[in-house]
Protein backbone atom coordinates (compact mmCIF):
# COMPACT_ATOMS: atom_id res chain seq x y z
CA MET A 1 -52.51 40.32 -49.46
CA SER A 2 -54.43 38.64 -52.24
CA ASN A 3 -53.42 37.88 -55.82
CA SER A 4 -55.28 38.84 -58.96
CA GLY A 5 -58.16 36.61 -59.98
CA LEU A 6 -57.38 37.61 -63.58
CA ALA A 7 -54.35 35.29 -63.62
CA THR A 8 -54.91 32.40 -66.03
CA TYR A 9 -51.69 30.59 -65.12
CA THR A 10 -49.54 30.26 -62.00
CA LEU A 11 -45.91 29.16 -61.77
CA ILE A 12 -44.10 30.63 -58.77
CA SER A 13 -40.47 31.60 -59.23
CA PRO A 14 -37.87 30.83 -56.55
CA ASN A 15 -36.30 34.22 -57.25
CA LYS A 16 -37.95 36.37 -54.59
CA ASN A 17 -37.86 37.67 -51.03
CA SER A 18 -40.69 36.59 -48.75
CA PRO A 19 -42.39 38.62 -47.45
CA ARG A 20 -41.91 42.09 -48.93
CA ASN A 21 -40.96 44.74 -46.36
CA HIS A 22 -43.17 47.58 -47.59
CA LYS A 23 -46.84 48.04 -48.35
CA ILE A 24 -47.75 48.01 -52.04
CA ASP A 25 -47.99 51.57 -53.37
CA THR A 26 -46.21 51.33 -56.73
CA ILE A 27 -46.74 49.81 -60.18
CA SER A 28 -43.71 49.02 -62.35
CA ILE A 29 -44.45 47.93 -65.93
CA HIS A 30 -41.70 46.23 -67.96
CA CYS A 31 -41.31 45.02 -71.55
CA PHE A 32 -40.45 41.33 -71.80
CA VAL A 33 -38.59 41.73 -75.13
CA GLY A 34 -40.33 38.80 -76.77
CA GLN A 35 -43.87 37.90 -77.80
CA VAL A 36 -44.42 35.22 -75.16
CA THR A 37 -47.53 33.79 -73.55
CA ALA A 38 -47.99 34.20 -69.80
CA LYS A 39 -47.06 30.53 -69.36
CA ARG A 40 -43.82 30.85 -71.29
CA GLY A 41 -42.95 34.08 -69.51
CA CYS A 42 -43.34 32.47 -66.09
CA GLU A 43 -41.21 29.51 -67.22
CA VAL A 44 -38.35 31.85 -68.10
CA PHE A 45 -38.12 32.96 -64.46
CA GLN A 46 -38.06 29.42 -63.02
CA PRO A 47 -34.30 28.70 -62.91
CA SER A 48 -32.66 30.10 -59.78
CA SER A 49 -29.68 30.93 -61.98
CA LYS A 50 -31.85 33.51 -63.75
CA GLN A 51 -31.70 35.73 -60.64
CA ALA A 52 -34.76 37.61 -61.87
CA SER A 53 -38.54 37.45 -61.62
CA CYS A 54 -41.69 39.57 -61.62
CA ASN A 55 -45.06 39.46 -59.92
CA TYR A 56 -47.03 39.03 -63.15
CA VAL A 57 -46.44 38.27 -66.82
CA VAL A 58 -48.88 39.56 -69.45
CA GLY A 59 -48.76 37.49 -72.63
CA TYR A 60 -49.11 38.75 -76.19
CA ASP A 61 -52.46 36.94 -76.35
CA GLY A 62 -53.82 38.69 -73.26
CA SER A 63 -53.08 35.80 -70.90
CA ILE A 64 -51.91 36.71 -67.39
CA GLY A 65 -49.49 34.67 -65.31
CA LEU A 66 -48.69 34.86 -61.60
CA CYS A 67 -44.93 34.48 -61.12
CA VAL A 68 -44.37 35.91 -57.62
CA GLU A 69 -47.24 36.38 -55.16
CA GLU A 70 -48.12 39.94 -54.26
CA LYS A 71 -47.12 39.38 -50.64
CA ASP A 72 -43.55 38.76 -51.83
CA ARG A 73 -40.91 40.95 -53.43
CA SER A 74 -39.91 40.07 -56.99
CA TRP A 75 -36.45 40.70 -58.43
CA CYS A 76 -37.31 42.93 -61.35
CA THR A 77 -36.27 46.59 -61.43
CA SER A 78 -32.61 46.51 -60.31
CA SER A 79 -33.75 48.26 -57.12
CA SER A 80 -34.50 46.38 -53.92
CA SER A 81 -36.30 49.40 -52.49
CA ASN A 82 -38.57 49.74 -55.53
CA ASP A 83 -39.28 46.01 -55.79
CA HIS A 84 -40.31 45.79 -52.12
CA ARG A 85 -43.07 48.37 -52.68
CA ALA A 86 -44.01 47.65 -56.30
CA ILE A 87 -46.09 45.13 -58.16
CA THR A 88 -43.92 44.37 -61.18
CA ILE A 89 -45.45 43.36 -64.50
CA GLU A 90 -43.51 41.95 -67.46
CA THR A 91 -45.47 42.59 -70.67
CA ALA A 92 -44.88 40.63 -73.87
CA SER A 93 -43.44 42.90 -76.54
CA GLU A 94 -41.57 42.99 -79.81
CA ASN A 95 -37.87 42.24 -79.47
CA LYS A 96 -36.62 45.53 -80.87
CA ALA A 97 -37.21 49.21 -80.13
CA PRO A 98 -39.67 50.71 -79.42
CA TYR A 99 -40.83 47.29 -78.05
CA LYS A 100 -44.47 47.55 -79.10
CA VAL A 101 -47.10 45.39 -77.43
CA THR A 102 -50.21 43.85 -78.97
CA ALA A 103 -53.68 45.28 -78.45
CA ALA A 104 -54.60 42.14 -76.49
CA ALA A 105 -51.60 42.56 -74.18
CA TYR A 106 -52.35 46.25 -73.62
CA ALA A 107 -56.00 45.57 -72.81
CA ALA A 108 -55.02 42.84 -70.34
CA LEU A 109 -52.39 45.13 -68.80
CA LEU A 110 -55.00 47.83 -68.15
CA ASP A 111 -57.34 45.27 -66.58
CA LEU A 112 -54.57 43.85 -64.40
CA VAL A 113 -53.28 47.22 -63.17
CA THR A 114 -56.84 48.31 -62.36
CA ASP A 115 -57.42 45.10 -60.40
CA ILE A 116 -54.14 45.47 -58.48
CA CYS A 117 -54.96 49.06 -57.53
CA ARG A 118 -58.52 48.22 -56.51
CA ARG A 119 -57.53 45.29 -54.27
CA ASN A 120 -54.83 47.38 -52.63
CA GLY A 121 -57.18 50.25 -51.83
CA ALA A 122 -56.09 52.72 -54.51
CA LYS A 123 -58.52 55.10 -56.20
CA LYS A 124 -55.88 56.98 -58.14
CA LEU A 125 -52.78 55.95 -60.13
CA LEU A 126 -50.18 58.69 -60.59
CA TRP A 127 -47.54 59.06 -63.30
CA PHE A 128 -45.16 61.99 -62.82
CA GLY A 129 -42.71 61.05 -65.57
CA ASP A 130 -39.80 62.14 -63.37
CA LYS A 131 -37.64 59.90 -61.18
CA ALA A 132 -36.69 62.46 -58.53
CA LYS A 133 -40.24 63.74 -58.12
CA THR A 134 -41.68 60.23 -57.94
CA LEU A 135 -39.19 58.88 -55.40
CA ALA A 136 -39.59 61.97 -53.23
CA TYR A 137 -43.37 61.68 -53.26
CA ALA A 138 -45.14 59.87 -50.42
CA PRO A 139 -48.35 58.37 -51.85
CA LYS A 140 -51.39 59.42 -49.87
CA SER A 141 -54.11 57.01 -48.79
CA GLY A 142 -55.86 55.77 -51.91
CA GLU A 143 -52.94 56.57 -54.23
CA MET A 144 -50.35 54.52 -56.09
CA VAL A 145 -47.47 55.76 -58.24
CA MET A 146 -45.73 54.38 -61.32
CA THR A 147 -41.99 53.79 -61.72
CA VAL A 148 -39.91 52.40 -64.58
CA HIS A 149 -36.87 50.12 -64.79
CA ARG A 150 -34.79 52.65 -66.76
CA TRP A 151 -34.68 54.87 -63.68
CA PHE A 152 -32.65 52.28 -61.76
CA ALA A 153 -30.43 50.71 -64.43
CA ASN A 154 -28.87 51.50 -67.79
CA LYS A 155 -31.78 49.98 -69.70
CA SER A 156 -34.46 51.20 -72.11
CA CYS A 157 -37.15 49.18 -70.27
CA PRO A 158 -40.13 49.43 -70.58
CA GLY A 159 -39.28 50.62 -74.09
CA ASP A 160 -40.47 53.89 -75.57
CA TYR A 161 -43.78 52.40 -76.73
CA LEU A 162 -45.02 51.55 -73.23
CA TYR A 163 -43.18 54.45 -71.61
CA ASN A 164 -45.04 56.93 -73.80
CA LEU A 165 -48.32 55.29 -72.76
CA HIS A 166 -47.76 55.63 -69.01
CA GLY A 167 -49.76 58.85 -68.74
CA GLU A 168 -52.61 57.24 -70.64
CA ILE A 169 -52.44 54.12 -68.46
CA ALA A 170 -52.58 56.21 -65.27
CA ALA A 171 -55.52 58.25 -66.56
CA GLU A 172 -57.49 55.21 -67.75
CA VAL A 173 -56.91 53.18 -64.58
CA THR A 174 -57.86 56.14 -62.39
CA LYS A 175 -61.02 56.58 -64.46
CA ARG A 176 -61.93 52.91 -64.00
CA LEU A 177 -61.33 53.17 -60.27
CA GLY A 178 -63.71 56.11 -60.05
CA GLY A 179 -61.00 58.44 -58.82
CA SER A 180 -60.20 61.95 -60.01
CA SER A 181 -57.14 62.75 -62.06
CA SER A 182 -54.51 65.01 -60.52
CA THR A 183 -54.63 67.12 -63.68
CA THR A 184 -57.52 68.80 -65.42
CA SER A 185 -59.37 66.81 -68.07
CA PRO A 186 -59.71 68.44 -71.49
CA SER A 187 -62.70 70.56 -72.37
CA THR A 188 -64.26 70.66 -75.81
CA GLY A 189 -61.55 73.06 -76.92
CA ALA A 190 -58.18 72.21 -78.40
CA SER A 191 -56.13 72.57 -75.25
CA GLY A 192 -55.95 71.24 -71.72
CA SER A 193 -54.73 74.60 -70.41
CA ALA A 194 -53.92 78.04 -71.74
CA GLN A 195 -51.73 77.99 -74.84
CA THR A 196 -48.69 80.21 -75.29
CA ALA A 197 -47.66 81.07 -78.85
CA VAL A 198 -43.99 80.29 -79.51
CA ASN A 199 -41.76 79.54 -82.48
CA TYR A 200 -38.71 77.34 -82.00
CA THR A 201 -37.29 74.04 -83.17
CA VAL A 202 -36.76 70.89 -81.12
CA LYS A 203 -34.83 67.70 -81.71
CA VAL A 204 -36.72 64.48 -81.02
CA THR A 205 -34.65 61.34 -80.40
CA ALA A 206 -37.39 58.99 -79.18
CA THR A 207 -38.74 56.53 -81.73
CA ASP A 208 -42.47 56.58 -82.47
CA LEU A 209 -43.23 59.53 -80.18
CA ASN A 210 -47.02 59.78 -79.93
CA ILE A 211 -48.84 62.71 -81.51
CA ARG A 212 -51.96 63.74 -79.56
CA SER A 213 -54.98 65.69 -80.77
CA GLY A 214 -54.53 68.00 -77.78
CA PRO A 215 -52.00 68.73 -75.02
CA GLY A 216 -52.33 65.64 -72.84
CA THR A 217 -52.40 61.85 -72.79
CA ASN A 218 -56.13 62.12 -72.21
CA TYR A 219 -56.48 63.22 -75.84
CA GLY A 220 -56.60 60.68 -78.64
CA SER A 221 -53.50 59.51 -80.50
CA LYS A 222 -53.10 60.72 -84.10
CA GLY A 223 -50.04 58.68 -84.96
CA ALA A 224 -46.37 59.10 -84.18
CA ILE A 225 -43.30 61.00 -85.35
CA ASN A 226 -39.83 59.69 -86.01
CA PRO A 227 -36.57 61.14 -84.65
CA GLY A 228 -35.77 64.49 -86.25
CA VAL A 229 -36.04 68.26 -85.92
CA TYR A 230 -39.50 69.81 -85.63
CA THR A 231 -40.94 73.29 -85.17
CA ILE A 232 -43.12 74.04 -82.15
CA VAL A 233 -45.64 76.89 -82.47
CA ALA A 234 -47.49 76.66 -79.14
CA GLU A 235 -46.95 75.35 -75.61
CA ALA A 236 -49.47 74.17 -73.01
CA GLY A 237 -49.66 72.16 -69.82
CA GLY A 238 -51.53 68.88 -69.72
CA THR A 239 -51.80 65.33 -68.43
CA GLY A 240 -48.78 63.05 -68.78
CA ALA A 241 -46.00 65.58 -69.42
CA SER A 242 -44.40 68.61 -67.83
CA LYS A 243 -45.18 70.55 -71.02
CA TRP A 244 -46.74 69.87 -74.44
CA GLY A 245 -45.75 71.40 -77.76
CA LYS A 246 -47.93 71.94 -80.85
CA LEU A 247 -46.29 70.89 -84.11
CA LYS A 248 -46.07 73.54 -86.79
CA SER A 249 -47.25 70.96 -89.33
CA GLY A 250 -50.65 70.90 -87.66
CA ALA A 251 -50.37 67.17 -87.00
CA GLY A 252 -51.02 67.64 -83.28
CA TRP A 253 -49.20 67.85 -79.94
CA ILE A 254 -46.12 66.06 -78.58
CA SER A 255 -44.65 65.73 -75.10
CA LEU A 256 -41.71 68.13 -74.82
CA ASP A 257 -40.19 65.83 -72.20
CA TYR A 258 -38.79 63.86 -75.15
CA ALA A 259 -37.56 66.88 -77.11
CA THR A 260 -34.54 69.16 -76.82
CA LYS A 261 -34.83 72.78 -77.91
CA THR A 262 -32.42 73.55 -80.74
CA GLY A 263 -33.67 76.91 -82.05
CA THR A 264 -34.43 80.34 -80.62
CA SER A 265 -37.96 81.12 -79.45
CA SER A 266 -39.92 84.11 -80.65
CA SER A 267 -43.22 85.50 -79.42
CA THR A 268 -45.30 84.71 -82.49
CA ALA A 269 -45.91 81.64 -84.59
CA SER A 270 -44.74 81.30 -88.21
CA LYS A 271 -47.04 81.40 -91.21
CA ALA A 272 -48.78 78.14 -92.03
CA VAL A 273 -47.50 76.12 -94.98
CA THR A 274 -50.16 75.69 -97.66
CA VAL A 275 -50.30 74.58 -101.29
CA GLY A 276 -48.67 77.34 -103.34
CA SER A 277 -46.51 78.60 -100.46
CA THR A 278 -42.92 79.59 -101.18
CA VAL A 279 -40.73 77.94 -98.58
CA THR A 280 -37.17 77.30 -97.52
CA ILE A 281 -35.91 74.05 -95.99
CA GLN A 282 -34.38 74.28 -92.53
CA ALA A 283 -30.85 73.02 -91.92
CA GLY A 284 -30.76 69.47 -90.61
CA ALA A 285 -33.95 68.45 -92.41
CA VAL A 286 -34.50 64.90 -93.65
CA TYR A 287 -36.61 63.68 -96.54
CA GLY A 288 -40.16 62.64 -95.66
CA GLY A 289 -41.71 59.19 -95.57
CA LEU A 290 -43.41 59.69 -98.96
CA THR A 291 -40.02 60.01 -100.67
CA THR A 292 -37.99 56.97 -101.74
CA SER A 293 -34.98 58.44 -99.95
CA ARG A 294 -37.03 58.74 -96.75
CA GLY A 295 -35.02 59.55 -93.64
CA ALA A 296 -31.96 60.69 -95.60
CA LYS A 297 -30.55 64.11 -94.72
CA VAL A 298 -31.45 66.89 -97.14
CA PRO A 299 -28.09 68.06 -98.60
CA ASP A 300 -26.82 71.42 -97.42
CA TYR A 301 -26.86 72.77 -100.97
CA VAL A 302 -30.63 72.08 -101.11
CA SER A 303 -31.55 73.54 -97.72
CA GLY A 304 -30.94 77.01 -96.37
CA LYS A 305 -32.59 80.42 -96.58
CA ASN A 306 -31.24 81.14 -100.08
CA ARG A 307 -32.98 78.16 -101.72
CA ARG A 308 -36.69 78.63 -102.31
CA TYR A 309 -39.29 76.05 -103.31
CA THR A 310 -42.97 75.92 -104.17
CA VAL A 311 -45.36 73.62 -102.30
CA LYS A 312 -47.19 71.57 -104.94
CA GLN A 313 -49.11 69.18 -102.69
CA ILE A 314 -49.61 68.38 -98.98
CA ALA A 315 -50.31 64.88 -97.65
CA THR A 316 -50.11 63.01 -94.35
CA HIS A 317 -47.80 60.04 -93.79
CA LYS A 318 -48.02 58.14 -90.48
CA GLY A 319 -49.57 61.16 -88.77
CA VAL A 320 -47.00 63.64 -90.12
CA GLN A 321 -47.92 66.26 -92.71
CA GLU A 322 -45.48 66.50 -95.62
CA ALA A 323 -45.17 68.83 -98.60
CA LEU A 324 -44.23 67.89 -102.15
CA LEU A 325 -41.78 70.53 -103.36
CA LYS A 326 -42.19 71.25 -107.06
CA GLU A 327 -38.58 72.13 -107.91
CA ILE A 328 -36.97 68.99 -106.43
CA THR A 329 -39.93 66.57 -106.65
CA SER A 330 -39.36 65.44 -103.06
CA TRP A 331 -41.46 65.28 -99.92
CA VAL A 332 -40.35 67.09 -96.76
CA ALA A 333 -42.21 67.32 -93.43
CA LEU A 334 -43.90 70.68 -92.89
CA SER A 335 -42.02 71.00 -89.61
CA TYR A 336 -38.80 71.50 -91.61
CA LEU A 337 -40.24 74.24 -93.85
CA THR A 338 -40.39 78.01 -93.36
CA VAL A 339 -42.75 80.19 -95.38
CA VAL A 340 -41.03 83.19 -97.01
């Protein structure tokens, strides 16, 4: 087994098993929880008392460090079985949720994962987004799968930022390798597969959940939404999630893998909110990002079907459409509003 020629620094950790007992068929990406360089990241795994390591460290500046050779098993994902078959990559990140990474680190990560797959004979990188399905799957010749640390330990690693990008990473790496995706690429239309009209609410708990222009990670990002309750008006299949939901606000599509249904579905979508619409505020709503009291719960005496408001203006804040309600001079996301 060879190591990546993209590595700009090498410092081998004593925390490893040599050799690994399984062929490489898995990629496990981690967040380092700190904006380190590759050199500093490798240094952290030097003491034997650390009892941890990884195969590679990707620095915030795009540097790449070799910490454990690919022929050896690193101690990284709290799973001996996973570590023996995976190349583990610690990626420099912010030190608080959602553990964002820099553009330089992300670009280097894509290059590194592509190089690892290519040297190990893979033409396709698969992300199922499901632990049971992934562990039960036997990668075919030319395939590699992705796993995450949170599946094997009570951790948030790799953080929601990188976790939400796994479908995109798999699609981009597969594209670079010249392989074909296991799911259909989008056409020029607005969906990756047939859409089903629905009308129900979901609760999102993930921070900075990506909004896509279509149902799939192979569509461009349009921003992110914060935790809260949102209305879904259409469903569709697509790359990177078991199902995608279209936001009532019109902002785009979100992965329903990170949402819990809270309302009852109906067969038709609600009326669109426009300037001049008379609306009610759904229970559990919070004030929008354009309001000084952003994120605060809308009081029960303000929300509810018996309180009606007029939409004076509509604007977008961080990818989320919000309405300025004339009677209370406050902004509320369109996903919390119902036209009456």
